[in-house]
Amino acid sequence: MSTQPSLEQLRFNMIEQQIRPWDVLDPQVLDLLATVRREEFVPPAHRGLAFVDMEIPLRGHPEEAIRAGQIMLAPKVEARLLQEVNPKPHEKVLEVGAGSGHMAALLAGRAQRVISLEIEPELVKMARENLHKAGVRNAEVREADGARGLAAEGPFDVIVLSGSVAEVPPALLQQLKVGGRLVAIVGEDPVMRTNLITRTGEASFTTAQRWDTVAPRLLHFPAPSRFQF
């Protein structure tokens, strides 16, 4: 007689079969994935998909949710974004696109403070409730247009865009501290690359193109530049 695998077995399988093979090897990241209960950030209707290698719609019709960017990113993508920016215990983080609050919970496990911006009121409520239930006290969710960032609270050590953009607005880069890092999935479907941008001086930045993936668009970010000079 077959028995259903336990949640802990499913979590272990997610880490070992999806995340670790995707070059997520930082032991602190792997430990967080084992302790932050991903299934508690998934809408009840989709809880059976919590550990599956896919994006999970957060509200309404699945296709509409994906078009509107109202999803949880696949586990391996969240894990690798976290590994790329490598938040430190003294650092302040800005996340754009709170979704269900899961990425904010992961970031809060590494950083001193996380502010997560979400434009959709229903998701603001969901993320706040999920973080509260999970006992995460150093992350807050604000209803705001993340494309503008949050200059009044900056500068930030880390900025994470939890979705894709055609390009990173200069206004967001200006909200990084010198030495700060911004990670974003940049490009046009079907070719997007994860960019890790580091502020190296008052007017200087370096960009490393790290790995290819595809993610739904974040709302209100600028369209791609049509002209190259």
Protein backbone atom coordinates (compact mmCIF):
# COMPACT_ATOMS: atom_id res chain seq x y z
CA MET A 1 0.00 0.00 0.00
CA SER A 2 1.50 3.34 -1.07
CA THR A 3 1.64 6.22 1.37
CA GLN A 4 1.72 9.91 0.50
CA PRO A 5 5.11 11.58 1.10
CA SER A 6 5.16 13.93 4.09
CA LEU A 7 5.52 17.69 3.71
CA GLU A 8 9.07 17.40 5.00
CA GLN A 9 9.87 14.76 2.38
CA LEU A 10 8.40 16.97 -0.36
CA ARG A 11 10.42 19.94 0.94
CA PHE A 12 13.60 17.83 0.99
CA ASN A 13 12.93 16.62 -2.55
CA MET A 14 12.37 20.21 -3.76
CA ILE A 15 15.72 21.28 -2.34
CA GLU A 16 17.68 18.25 -3.53
CA GLN A 17 16.06 17.70 -6.94
CA GLN A 18 15.21 21.25 -8.09
CA ILE A 19 17.24 23.80 -6.19
CA ARG A 20 20.65 22.28 -5.51
CA PRO A 21 21.06 21.08 -9.15
CA TRP A 22 20.41 24.69 -10.23
CA ASP A 23 23.72 25.73 -8.63
CA VAL A 24 22.17 26.91 -5.37
CA LEU A 25 24.86 25.66 -3.01
CA ASP A 26 25.03 28.35 -0.29
CA PRO A 27 24.31 26.38 2.93
CA GLN A 28 22.56 29.39 4.51
CA VAL A 29 20.15 29.59 1.57
CA LEU A 30 19.49 25.86 1.67
CA ASP A 31 18.89 25.99 5.43
CA LEU A 32 16.36 28.81 4.97
CA LEU A 33 14.50 26.84 2.31
CA ALA A 34 14.27 23.96 4.75
CA THR A 35 12.89 26.14 7.58
CA VAL A 36 10.66 28.76 5.89
CA ARG A 37 7.42 26.88 5.26
CA ARG A 38 6.74 27.60 1.62
CA GLU A 39 3.37 25.83 1.67
CA GLU A 40 2.04 28.42 4.14
CA PHE A 41 2.59 31.18 1.56
CA VAL A 42 0.64 29.38 -1.19
CA PRO A 43 -3.11 30.08 -1.65
CA PRO A 44 -5.13 27.15 -0.25
CA ALA A 45 -6.47 26.22 -3.71
CA HIS A 46 -2.92 25.60 -4.95
CA ARG A 47 -1.26 24.27 -1.80
CA GLY A 48 -0.65 20.90 -3.45
CA LEU A 49 1.70 22.70 -5.87
CA ALA A 50 3.83 24.30 -3.15
CA PHE A 51 6.94 22.25 -3.89
CA VAL A 52 6.49 21.85 -7.67
CA ASP A 53 8.96 23.41 -10.11
CA MET A 54 6.53 26.02 -11.45
CA GLU A 55 5.11 29.51 -10.94
CA ILE A 56 1.99 29.50 -8.76
CA PRO A 57 -0.90 31.91 -9.49
CA LEU A 58 -1.94 33.92 -6.45
CA ARG A 59 -5.43 35.15 -7.34
CA GLY A 60 -8.18 34.88 -9.94
CA HIS A 61 -7.85 32.86 -13.12
CA PRO A 62 -4.37 31.30 -13.46
CA GLU A 63 -3.71 32.72 -16.95
CA GLU A 64 -4.80 36.19 -15.88
CA ALA A 65 -2.66 35.99 -12.73
CA ILE A 66 0.40 35.08 -14.79
CA ARG A 67 -0.28 37.90 -17.29
CA ALA A 68 -0.59 40.36 -14.41
CA GLY A 69 2.58 39.03 -12.75
CA GLN A 70 0.57 37.93 -9.69
CA ILE A 71 2.47 34.73 -9.03
CA MET A 72 4.98 33.05 -6.77
CA LEU A 73 8.18 32.48 -8.68
CA ALA A 74 9.37 28.89 -9.04
CA PRO A 75 11.30 27.69 -5.95
CA LYS A 76 14.65 27.43 -7.76
CA VAL A 77 14.34 30.99 -9.12
CA GLU A 78 13.61 32.48 -5.69
CA ALA A 79 16.49 30.49 -4.21
CA ARG A 80 18.98 31.60 -6.81
CA LEU A 81 17.93 35.27 -6.63
CA LEU A 82 18.51 35.08 -2.87
CA GLN A 83 21.93 33.49 -3.39
CA GLU A 84 22.91 36.16 -5.94
CA VAL A 85 22.28 39.17 -3.69
CA ASN A 86 23.56 37.40 -0.56
CA PRO A 87 22.00 39.69 2.10
CA LYS A 88 24.00 40.19 5.29
CA PRO A 89 22.61 40.39 8.85
CA HIS A 90 23.17 44.18 9.07
CA GLU A 91 21.66 45.05 5.68
CA LYS A 92 18.40 46.72 4.62
CA VAL A 93 16.54 45.21 1.66
CA LEU A 94 13.91 46.56 -0.72
CA GLU A 95 11.81 44.02 -2.61
CA VAL A 96 9.57 45.01 -5.54
CA GLY A 97 6.63 42.64 -5.96
CA ALA A 98 5.66 41.10 -2.61
CA GLY A 99 3.29 38.53 -4.07
CA SER A 100 2.46 36.10 -1.27
CA GLY A 101 5.29 37.34 0.99
CA HIS A 102 7.44 34.23 0.57
CA MET A 103 10.47 35.96 -0.95
CA ALA A 104 10.25 38.66 1.74
CA ALA A 105 10.32 35.90 4.38
CA LEU A 106 13.43 34.37 2.80
CA LEU A 107 15.16 37.77 2.59
CA ALA A 108 14.18 38.52 6.19
CA GLY A 109 15.91 35.33 7.27
CA ARG A 110 19.21 36.81 6.10
CA ALA A 111 18.87 40.60 6.43
CA GLN A 112 18.21 43.06 9.25
CA ARG A 113 15.13 44.63 7.65
CA VAL A 114 13.01 44.06 4.54
CA ILE A 115 10.50 46.44 2.97
CA SER A 116 8.42 44.80 0.24
CA LEU A 117 6.33 46.88 -2.18
CA GLU A 118 3.17 45.48 -3.77
CA ILE A 119 0.77 47.37 -6.05
CA GLU A 120 -2.20 44.98 -5.77
CA PRO A 121 -4.20 45.55 -2.54
CA GLU A 122 -5.40 41.94 -2.32
CA LEU A 123 -1.81 40.69 -2.45
CA VAL A 124 -0.70 43.29 0.12
CA LYS A 125 -3.23 41.80 2.53
CA MET A 126 -2.20 38.23 1.67
CA ALA A 127 1.51 38.91 2.11
CA ARG A 128 1.04 40.75 5.40
CA GLU A 129 -1.10 37.94 6.83
CA ASN A 130 1.32 35.25 5.66
CA LEU A 131 4.34 37.00 7.16
CA HIS A 132 2.47 37.58 10.43
CA LYS A 133 1.41 33.91 10.66
CA ALA A 134 4.97 32.82 9.89
CA GLY A 135 6.28 34.97 12.75
CA VAL A 136 8.42 37.16 10.49
CA ARG A 137 8.81 40.46 12.34
CA ASN A 138 11.57 42.20 10.35
CA ALA A 139 9.69 42.39 7.03
CA GLU A 140 6.87 44.78 6.18
CA VAL A 141 4.67 45.04 3.10
CA ARG A 142 3.59 48.41 1.74
CA GLU A 143 1.01 49.13 -0.94
CA ALA A 144 2.99 51.11 -3.51
CA ASP A 145 4.13 51.23 -7.13
CA GLY A 146 7.48 49.49 -6.89
CA ALA A 147 8.69 50.85 -10.24
CA ARG A 148 9.51 54.08 -8.39
CA GLY A 149 11.23 52.32 -5.53
CA LEU A 150 11.18 53.94 -2.10
CA ALA A 151 13.65 56.81 -2.09
CA ALA A 152 12.43 58.15 1.27
CA GLU A 153 13.64 54.94 2.99
CA GLY A 154 16.82 54.51 0.96
CA PRO A 155 19.55 53.97 0.26
CA PHE A 156 19.33 50.18 0.38
CA ASP A 157 22.04 47.53 0.59
CA VAL A 158 20.00 45.12 -1.55
CA ILE A 159 17.13 45.54 -4.04
CA VAL A 160 15.32 42.49 -5.41
CA LEU A 161 12.85 42.63 -8.31
CA SER A 162 10.58 39.60 -7.91
CA GLY A 163 9.53 39.46 -11.55
CA SER A 164 10.91 40.55 -14.91
CA VAL A 165 11.46 44.01 -16.44
CA ALA A 166 12.47 45.25 -19.87
CA GLU A 167 15.17 47.36 -18.23
CA VAL A 168 16.07 48.52 -14.72
CA PRO A 169 15.02 52.15 -14.14
CA PRO A 170 17.89 54.50 -13.19
CA ALA A 171 15.74 55.77 -10.28
CA LEU A 172 16.00 52.33 -8.63
CA LEU A 173 19.75 52.14 -9.14
CA GLN A 174 20.11 55.52 -7.42
CA GLN A 175 18.48 54.00 -4.32
CA LEU A 176 21.39 51.56 -3.86
CA LYS A 177 24.17 52.27 -1.40
CA VAL A 178 27.70 52.19 -2.76
CA GLY A 179 28.54 48.49 -2.55
CA GLY A 180 24.84 47.63 -2.78
CA ARG A 181 23.42 44.99 -5.13
CA LEU A 182 20.29 44.86 -7.26
CA VAL A 183 19.08 41.65 -8.89
CA ALA A 184 16.53 41.63 -11.71
CA ILE A 185 15.36 39.35 -14.51
CA VAL A 186 15.79 41.55 -17.59
CA GLY A 187 14.78 41.15 -21.22
CA GLU A 188 11.98 40.11 -23.54
CA ASP A 189 10.34 36.68 -23.65
CA PRO A 190 11.74 34.18 -24.65
CA VAL A 191 15.22 35.54 -23.83
CA MET A 192 15.64 36.96 -20.33
CA ARG A 193 18.76 37.07 -18.20
CA THR A 194 19.25 37.61 -14.52
CA ASN A 195 21.35 40.73 -14.02
CA LEU A 196 23.28 41.39 -10.82
CA ILE A 197 24.06 45.12 -10.69
CA THR A 198 26.53 46.41 -8.09
CA ARG A 199 26.97 50.09 -7.28
CA THR A 200 30.72 50.61 -7.25
CA GLY A 201 30.75 54.41 -6.75
CA GLU A 202 28.54 57.49 -6.70
CA ALA A 203 28.13 57.35 -10.48
CA SER A 204 29.42 53.89 -11.37
CA PHE A 205 27.79 50.48 -11.61
CA THR A 206 28.86 47.05 -12.82
CA THR A 207 26.46 44.54 -14.35
CA ALA A 208 27.02 40.78 -14.38
CA GLN A 209 24.68 38.68 -16.52
CA ARG A 210 24.29 35.56 -14.44
CA TRP A 211 21.76 33.00 -15.82
CA ASP A 212 18.83 32.68 -18.17
CA THR A 213 15.24 32.29 -17.03
CA VAL A 214 11.80 33.70 -17.85
CA ALA A 215 9.38 35.38 -15.42
CA PRO A 216 6.15 37.38 -15.66
CA ARG A 217 6.41 41.16 -15.94
CA LEU A 218 6.29 43.52 -13.00
CA LEU A 219 3.73 46.29 -13.58
CA HIS A 220 4.48 49.90 -14.55
CA PHE A 221 8.15 49.46 -15.37
CA PRO A 222 9.39 51.29 -18.49
CA ALA A 223 9.16 49.70 -21.93
CA PRO A 224 12.46 48.70 -23.55
CA SER A 225 14.63 51.32 -25.19
CA ARG A 226 14.02 51.20 -28.94
CA PHE A 227 17.18 53.02 -30.00
CA GLN A 228 20.82 52.24 -29.38
CA PHE A 229 23.37 55.02 -29.72
